[in-house]
C-alpha cells in the first residue's frame, strides 16, 4: 500500500474522486471524518492510501485555507456570484450574503450579471462597483462579454454560485465548450430555474480549477454561511472608512443616531440596498450565541 497527496474533484454517493499523480482515484473516506463532523468536500487537499486490493481511502484532510457551507467547497481563491437581470430577477440580499461569506473567508467575490441582452444590468453593476467589487456584465449572445471574464480564472480555484436559472452553466459552456454542462429552462410557474447541476465538481482549466455548483433558492442561502454579528460589518468593504467614526463605539450601524455609515447611506455614498442587507443579516444573528454559530454543521 502507498500514500499520495491529491485534491478532491467531487463527491457523490459516498465516493470521492481525487486527482493525484495525474490520475483520478475513486476513494472512500475514513469514518473518523464523519465522527468529527468534518466531511471531505471538493477542493480539499488530502492524503489517500492506495491498497493492493479494494478502494483507495482518504486518510487525511489537510488544513483548509477557507471553506464555504453553501456551496460546499474548500480552498477557494475566487467566488463568482452570478445573478441575472431577469428570470429570475436579482435578489440583492442573496448576492450580499454570498459576498459577505466570501469576504469573511478571505475569498475574492466577483459579480457577474447575466442576461444583459434582455435587460440592462448597469444599475445593479453600479451598486457593486461602488461597493468595491469587480463586476462583469454578460450576455449569452455576446461571446466577447464572456471572454472578458476568463482571465480571472488563470491559476486559481474558482467557484461559481448563484440562484437557479441565472445561467452559471451556460456561461461556463460559453467559456469552455468542452465541458458540455447541462442547462435548464426557467419554470414559468415557479419563476426560477430548474437545478441542472446536481453536485459540486472541480474542472481542471486554465492552470487552475473551476467549480460549477448546484443552484439554490433564497431559503437555502438563509441556512448557510451565517456570520457572527460583530464580524458582519467587516464583510462590507464599503463600510471600512466609517467604522471608527461613529458617535458611539458600540454602534451596530443599524439605526443609531450619529452613525457615520447611515449618514453615508443617506448621502448616496453607500448603496441603500447594501445597508439593508447588512441590517437584515445583523438582525438574523444578533440573538444567536457564538457557540451556536460555531456548532453549525461543517461543510
Protein backbone atom coordinates (compact mmCIF):
# COMPACT_ATOMS: atom_id res chain seq x y z
CA UNK A 1 0.00 0.00 0.00
CA UNK A 2 1.23 3.52 -0.82
CA UNK A 3 0.07 7.01 0.18
CA UNK A 4 -0.02 10.06 -2.10
CA UNK A 5 -1.43 13.58 -1.93
CA UNK A 6 -4.20 14.88 -4.14
CA UNK A 7 -7.21 17.18 -4.46
CA UNK A 8 -10.88 16.17 -4.29
CA UNK A 9 -12.67 16.96 -7.53
CA UNK A 10 -16.13 15.84 -6.42
CA UNK A 11 -18.00 13.62 -4.01
CA UNK A 12 -21.10 11.62 -4.86
CA UNK A 13 -22.87 8.66 -3.30
CA UNK A 14 -20.27 8.19 -0.59
CA UNK A 15 -17.38 8.12 -3.07
CA UNK A 16 -14.81 10.85 -3.61
CA UNK A 17 -12.92 11.41 -6.83
CA UNK A 18 -9.39 12.52 -6.08
CA UNK A 19 -6.85 13.76 -8.61
CA UNK A 20 -3.39 12.60 -7.54
CA UNK A 21 -0.23 11.98 -9.56
CA UNK A 22 -2.07 12.73 -12.85
CA UNK A 23 -4.65 10.03 -12.10
CA UNK A 24 -8.21 10.23 -10.78
CA UNK A 25 -8.91 7.76 -7.95
CA UNK A 26 -12.34 6.71 -6.71
CA UNK A 27 -11.98 6.77 -2.92
CA UNK A 28 -13.88 6.08 0.25
CA UNK A 29 -13.47 8.33 3.30
CA UNK A 30 -12.50 7.01 6.71
CA UNK A 31 -15.36 7.02 9.22
CA UNK A 32 -13.40 9.25 11.57
CA UNK A 33 -14.19 12.30 9.45
CA UNK A 34 -17.94 11.77 9.89
CA UNK A 35 -17.49 11.30 13.64
CA UNK A 36 -15.61 14.60 13.81
CA UNK A 37 -18.31 16.34 11.74
CA UNK A 38 -15.71 17.18 9.12
CA UNK A 39 -16.73 15.51 5.88
CA UNK A 40 -14.44 15.90 2.84
CA UNK A 41 -15.57 18.35 0.15
CA UNK A 42 -14.45 19.34 -3.33
CA UNK A 43 -11.29 21.43 -3.17
CA UNK A 44 -9.89 19.63 -0.12
CA UNK A 45 -6.21 18.73 -0.27
CA UNK A 46 -5.98 15.18 1.03
CA UNK A 47 -3.73 12.21 1.59
CA UNK A 48 -5.05 8.96 0.13
CA UNK A 49 -3.92 5.39 0.59
CA UNK A 50 -3.89 3.03 -2.38
CA UNK A 51 -4.11 -0.65 -1.35
CA UNK A 52 -3.15 -3.61 -3.48
CA UNK A 53 -6.83 -4.62 -3.46
CA UNK A 54 -10.03 -2.69 -2.77
CA UNK A 55 -10.83 1.01 -2.86
CA UNK A 56 -8.35 3.75 -2.12
CA UNK A 57 -9.20 5.68 1.04
CA UNK A 58 -8.93 9.28 2.17
CA UNK A 59 -6.63 9.13 5.19
CA UNK A 60 -6.18 12.81 5.99
CA UNK A 61 -7.72 16.16 5.13
CA UNK A 62 -5.03 18.82 5.19
CA UNK A 63 -5.81 22.16 6.87
CA UNK A 64 -8.13 24.33 4.80
CA UNK A 65 -7.31 27.91 3.85
CA UNK A 66 -11.05 28.56 3.85
CA UNK A 67 -14.34 26.80 3.26
CA UNK A 68 -17.98 27.52 2.49
CA UNK A 69 -21.05 25.61 3.57
CA UNK A 70 -23.01 26.70 0.51
CA UNK A 71 -21.65 25.78 -1.96
CA UNK A 72 -19.69 23.06 -0.07
CA UNK A 73 -16.14 23.83 -1.17
CA UNK A 74 -12.70 24.35 0.32
CA UNK A 75 -9.55 26.29 -0.53
CA UNK A 76 -11.23 28.76 -2.88
CA UNK A 77 -9.48 31.79 -4.35
CA UNK A 78 -12.42 33.41 -6.14
CA UNK A 79 -16.19 33.13 -5.76
CA UNK A 80 -18.01 34.18 -8.93
CA UNK A 81 -21.54 35.16 -7.95
CA UNK A 82 -23.79 35.02 -11.00
CA UNK A 83 -27.07 36.96 -10.95
CA UNK A 84 -29.42 37.65 -13.83
CA UNK A 85 -31.23 40.86 -14.73
CA UNK A 86 -34.49 38.94 -15.31
CA UNK A 87 -35.87 35.39 -14.99
CA UNK A 88 -35.04 35.27 -12.13
CA UNK A 89 -34.87 38.91 -11.08
CA UNK A 90 -31.81 39.83 -9.00
CA UNK A 91 -32.13 39.38 -5.25
CA UNK A 92 -29.65 41.69 -3.55
CA UNK A 93 -29.89 40.01 -0.13
CA UNK A 94 -28.80 36.71 -1.70
CA UNK A 95 -25.95 38.42 -3.56
CA UNK A 96 -24.88 40.28 -0.43
CA UNK A 97 -24.93 37.19 1.76
CA UNK A 98 -22.64 35.47 -0.72
CA UNK A 99 -20.25 38.43 -0.99
CA UNK A 100 -20.14 38.65 2.81
CA UNK A 101 -19.48 34.93 3.18
CA UNK A 102 -16.65 35.23 0.66
CA UNK A 103 -15.05 38.25 2.36
CA UNK A 104 -15.39 36.55 5.76
CA UNK A 105 -13.43 33.58 4.39
CA UNK A 106 -10.71 35.60 2.60
CA UNK A 107 -12.15 34.73 -0.81
CA UNK A 108 -12.43 37.37 -3.53
CA UNK A 109 -16.07 37.82 -4.62
CA UNK A 110 -16.64 38.70 -8.27
CA UNK A 111 -20.10 39.66 -9.55
CA UNK A 112 -21.25 38.52 -12.99
CA UNK A 113 -24.55 39.95 -14.21
CA UNK A 114 -26.08 37.72 -16.86
CA UNK A 115 -28.88 38.20 -19.43
CA UNK A 116 -27.85 41.80 -20.05
CA UNK A 117 -29.30 41.44 -23.55
CA UNK A 118 -32.78 41.07 -22.04
CA UNK A 119 -32.49 43.95 -19.59
CA UNK A 120 -29.70 46.34 -18.74
CA UNK A 121 -27.64 45.41 -15.70
CA UNK A 122 -25.97 48.80 -15.38
CA UNK A 123 -27.85 49.91 -12.25
CA UNK A 124 -27.08 46.66 -10.46
CA UNK A 125 -23.46 46.75 -11.62
CA UNK A 126 -23.07 50.29 -10.24
CA UNK A 127 -24.12 49.12 -6.76
CA UNK A 128 -21.38 46.53 -6.57
CA UNK A 129 -18.68 48.57 -8.30
CA UNK A 130 -19.37 51.33 -5.78
CA UNK A 131 -19.00 48.71 -3.04
CA UNK A 132 -15.52 47.82 -4.29
CA UNK A 133 -16.11 44.56 -6.16
CA UNK A 134 -15.09 43.52 -9.64
CA UNK A 135 -18.22 43.34 -11.80
CA UNK A 136 -18.81 41.94 -15.29
CA UNK A 137 -21.93 42.12 -17.46
CA UNK A 138 -22.57 39.14 -19.69
CA UNK A 139 -24.93 38.09 -22.46
CA UNK A 140 -25.04 34.60 -23.96
CA UNK A 141 -25.50 36.30 -27.35
CA UNK A 142 -22.20 38.16 -26.97
CA UNK A 143 -19.27 35.78 -26.62
CA UNK A 144 -16.80 38.64 -26.12
CA UNK A 145 -18.60 39.66 -22.92
CA UNK A 146 -17.88 36.17 -21.57
CA UNK A 147 -14.27 36.13 -22.72
CA UNK A 148 -13.63 39.32 -20.76
CA UNK A 149 -14.23 37.30 -17.60
CA UNK A 150 -11.91 34.40 -18.40
CA UNK A 151 -8.56 35.94 -17.32
CA UNK A 152 -9.64 35.97 -13.66
CA UNK A 153 -9.62 32.14 -13.59
CA UNK A 154 -5.98 31.56 -14.50
CA UNK A 155 -4.09 29.51 -11.90
CA UNK A 156 -6.94 29.93 -9.38
CA UNK A 157 -9.52 27.73 -7.72
CA UNK A 158 -12.75 29.44 -8.70
CA UNK A 159 -16.30 28.58 -7.70
CA UNK A 160 -19.46 29.67 -9.49
CA UNK A 161 -22.54 30.26 -7.36
CA UNK A 162 -25.97 31.79 -7.75
CA UNK A 163 -29.69 31.21 -7.74
CA UNK A 164 -31.08 28.51 -10.01
CA UNK A 165 -31.63 29.71 -13.56
CA UNK A 166 -29.21 32.64 -13.61
CA UNK A 167 -27.01 30.99 -16.25
CA UNK A 168 -23.93 29.66 -14.46
CA UNK A 169 -23.65 26.55 -16.60
CA UNK A 170 -24.46 28.50 -19.77
CA UNK A 171 -21.62 30.90 -19.03
CA UNK A 172 -19.19 28.05 -18.36
CA UNK A 173 -20.23 26.33 -21.60
CA UNK A 174 -19.59 29.58 -23.48
CA UNK A 175 -16.12 29.88 -21.96
CA UNK A 176 -15.27 26.16 -22.15
CA UNK A 177 -17.40 24.38 -24.78
CA UNK A 178 -15.63 21.09 -24.00
CA UNK A 179 -17.47 20.91 -20.67
CA UNK A 180 -20.92 20.46 -22.29
CA UNK A 181 -22.67 21.11 -18.98
CA UNK A 182 -26.44 20.60 -18.79
CA UNK A 183 -28.50 23.77 -18.79
CA UNK A 184 -32.15 24.23 -17.92
CA UNK A 185 -35.08 26.39 -18.86
CA UNK A 186 -36.85 28.75 -16.50
CA UNK A 187 -40.08 27.42 -14.99
CA UNK A 188 -42.80 29.96 -15.83
CA UNK A 189 -44.96 28.68 -12.97
CA UNK A 190 -42.25 29.00 -10.31
CA UNK A 191 -40.33 31.90 -11.84
CA UNK A 192 -36.97 30.25 -11.23
CA UNK A 193 -34.62 27.87 -12.92
CA UNK A 194 -34.51 24.13 -12.57
CA UNK A 195 -31.46 22.67 -10.84
CA UNK A 196 -29.40 21.29 -13.72
CA UNK A 197 -26.12 20.96 -11.82
CA UNK A 198 -26.55 18.28 -9.13
CA UNK A 199 -23.17 18.15 -7.44
CA UNK A 200 -20.16 20.37 -6.89
CA UNK A 201 -17.38 19.35 -9.25
CA UNK A 202 -13.98 20.85 -9.99
CA UNK A 203 -12.82 21.01 -13.60
CA UNK A 204 -9.14 21.46 -14.39
CA UNK A 205 -8.97 24.53 -16.64
CA UNK A 206 -6.62 27.46 -17.34
CA UNK A 207 -3.96 26.19 -14.96
CA UNK A 208 -6.39 26.00 -12.04
CA UNK A 209 -9.77 24.53 -11.18
CA UNK A 210 -13.27 25.82 -11.80
CA UNK A 211 -16.31 24.57 -9.90
CA UNK A 212 -19.84 24.61 -11.19
CA UNK A 213 -22.25 24.29 -8.28
CA UNK A 214 -25.92 23.42 -7.82
CA UNK A 215 -28.21 26.42 -7.95
CA UNK A 216 -30.05 27.33 -4.79
CA UNK A 217 -33.09 29.20 -3.59
CA UNK A 218 -33.32 32.14 -1.22
CA UNK A 219 -34.32 29.73 1.55
CA UNK A 220 -31.13 27.71 1.02
CA UNK A 221 -28.83 30.69 1.38
CA UNK A 222 -30.51 31.71 4.65
CA UNK A 223 -29.42 28.40 6.17
CA UNK A 224 -25.75 28.60 5.37
CA UNK A 225 -22.65 30.72 5.93
CA UNK A 226 -24.04 32.66 8.89
CA UNK A 227 -21.53 35.17 10.26
CA UNK A 228 -21.10 36.39 13.82
CA UNK A 229 -22.86 39.72 14.32
CA UNK A 230 -19.66 41.57 15.29
CA UNK A 231 -17.91 40.37 12.13
CA UNK A 232 -20.62 41.27 9.61
CA UNK A 233 -19.56 44.93 9.47
CA UNK A 234 -16.12 43.87 8.21
CA UNK A 235 -17.70 41.85 5.38
CA UNK A 236 -18.97 45.01 3.68
CA UNK A 237 -15.79 46.64 2.27
CA UNK A 238 -17.51 49.98 1.65
CA UNK A 239 -18.02 50.35 5.44
CA UNK A 240 -14.29 50.28 6.21
CA UNK A 241 -13.60 54.02 6.20
CA UNK A 242 -16.53 54.74 8.53
CA UNK A 243 -16.31 52.04 11.19
CA UNK A 244 -14.28 54.09 13.67
CA UNK A 245 -16.07 57.41 13.12
CA UNK A 246 -19.46 56.72 14.65
CA UNK A 247 -20.57 58.75 17.70
CA UNK A 248 -20.74 55.65 19.91
CA UNK A 249 -18.14 52.87 19.95
CA UNK A 250 -20.93 50.31 20.47
CA UNK A 251 -22.74 51.41 17.31
CA UNK A 252 -24.34 48.49 15.46
CA UNK A 253 -24.69 50.63 12.29
CA UNK A 254 -28.34 49.61 12.00
CA UNK A 255 -30.38 52.59 13.29
CA UNK A 256 -28.33 54.67 15.75
CA UNK A 257 -28.10 58.44 15.68
CA UNK A 258 -24.59 59.63 14.91
CA UNK A 259 -23.78 56.55 12.81
CA UNK A 260 -21.39 57.53 10.02
CA UNK A 261 -22.40 54.56 7.89
CA UNK A 262 -26.07 55.59 7.99
CA UNK A 263 -25.01 59.14 7.10
CA UNK A 264 -23.04 57.75 4.12
CA UNK A 265 -26.16 55.84 3.01
CA UNK A 266 -28.31 58.97 3.31
CA UNK A 267 -25.74 60.90 1.28
CA UNK A 268 -25.73 58.30 -1.50
CA UNK A 269 -22.13 57.18 -0.86
CA UNK A 270 -23.03 53.68 0.33
CA UNK A 271 -25.80 51.98 -1.70
CA UNK A 272 -29.05 51.72 0.27
CA UNK A 273 -29.62 48.09 -0.75
CA UNK A 274 -26.25 47.11 0.69
CA UNK A 275 -27.06 48.66 4.05
CA UNK A 276 -30.49 46.98 4.07
CA UNK A 277 -28.77 43.64 3.52
CA UNK A 278 -26.35 44.37 6.34
CA UNK A 279 -29.21 45.19 8.72
CA UNK A 280 -31.10 42.04 7.70
CA UNK A 281 -28.02 39.89 8.27
CA UNK A 282 -27.27 41.55 11.60
CA UNK A 283 -30.84 41.07 12.86
CA UNK A 284 -30.78 37.46 11.74
CA UNK A 285 -27.88 36.56 14.02
CA UNK A 286 -27.91 39.21 16.78
CA UNK A 287 -29.58 36.90 19.30
CA UNK A 288 -27.61 33.79 18.34
CA UNK A 289 -24.72 32.89 20.61
CA UNK A 290 -21.22 32.48 19.18
CA UNK A 291 -21.10 28.83 20.25
CA UNK A 292 -24.32 28.17 18.34
CA UNK A 293 -22.81 29.56 15.14
CA UNK A 294 -19.60 27.59 15.68
CA UNK A 295 -21.65 24.40 16.13
CA UNK A 296 -23.26 24.67 12.71
CA UNK A 297 -22.59 21.54 10.63
CA UNK A 298 -19.26 21.77 8.83
CA UNK A 299 -19.11 21.73 5.06
